[in-house]
Amino acid sequence: MSIQQGSFELAIFGVIFFALQLWWIKMIVKNGQEQEVVAGTTKDSLAEQKKRLEALLRK
């Protein structure tokens, strides 16, 4: 029984790839939890935003 050429390198590549995927997912989740609301913004409904923009257009 012998190991084919390149198997060891492929296994190392797989481990590194898997580790990077875990790190990337961790950063995505961390940034999502620490996301801050920009000052001066409100969560207006679409209708309210439309009215506000139409009022600006009329000026």
Protein backbone atom coordinates (compact mmCIF):
# COMPACT_ATOMS: atom_id res chain seq x y z
CA MET A 1 0.00 0.00 0.00
CA SER A 2 1.54 3.29 -1.05
CA ILE A 3 0.45 6.88 -0.94
CA GLN A 4 0.16 8.48 -4.34
CA GLN A 5 2.38 11.41 -5.17
CA GLY A 6 0.82 14.74 -4.17
CA SER A 7 -1.60 13.32 -1.58
CA PHE A 8 0.24 14.90 1.34
CA GLU A 9 0.37 18.31 -0.34
CA LEU A 10 -3.31 18.09 -1.25
CA ALA A 11 -4.21 17.23 2.35
CA ILE A 12 -2.22 20.23 3.63
CA PHE A 13 -3.93 22.46 1.07
CA GLY A 14 -7.33 21.16 2.22
CA VAL A 15 -6.57 21.86 5.88
CA ILE A 16 -5.37 25.39 5.11
CA PHE A 17 -8.43 26.06 2.94
CA PHE A 18 -10.78 24.78 5.66
CA ALA A 19 -9.04 26.94 8.30
CA LEU A 20 -9.38 30.04 6.11
CA GLN A 21 -13.07 29.31 5.57
CA LEU A 22 -13.65 29.06 9.33
CA TRP A 23 -11.74 32.31 9.91
CA TRP A 24 -13.72 34.08 7.16
CA ILE A 25 -17.09 32.93 8.55
CA LYS A 26 -16.03 33.99 12.06
CA MET A 27 -15.18 37.48 10.80
CA ILE A 28 -18.51 37.77 8.94
CA VAL A 29 -20.47 36.84 12.08
CA LYS A 30 -18.37 39.12 14.29
CA ASN A 31 -18.82 42.12 11.98
CA GLY A 32 -22.56 41.47 11.77
CA GLN A 33 -22.91 41.53 15.55
CA GLU A 34 -20.83 44.68 15.97
CA GLN A 35 -22.55 46.59 13.19
CA GLU A 36 -23.42 50.12 14.26
CA VAL A 37 -26.26 52.30 13.09
CA VAL A 38 -25.01 55.39 11.30
CA ALA A 39 -25.81 58.53 13.27
CA GLY A 40 -28.59 60.66 11.86
CA THR A 41 -30.34 57.87 9.99
CA THR A 42 -33.75 56.52 10.74
CA LYS A 43 -35.57 53.47 9.55
CA ASP A 44 -38.31 55.20 7.60
CA SER A 45 -40.82 53.21 5.68
CA LEU A 46 -40.64 53.31 1.92
CA ALA A 47 -43.72 55.52 1.69
CA GLU A 48 -42.22 58.08 4.08
CA GLN A 49 -38.98 58.15 2.12
CA LYS A 50 -40.92 58.64 -1.11
CA LYS A 51 -42.85 61.59 0.35
CA ARG A 52 -39.66 63.18 1.65
CA LEU A 53 -37.89 62.84 -1.71
CA GLU A 54 -40.89 64.16 -3.64
CA ALA A 55 -40.97 67.18 -1.32
CA LEU A 56 -37.30 67.81 -2.05
CA LEU A 57 -37.98 67.57 -5.79
CA ARG A 58 -40.76 70.17 -5.59
CA LYS A 59 -38.43 72.73 -4.01
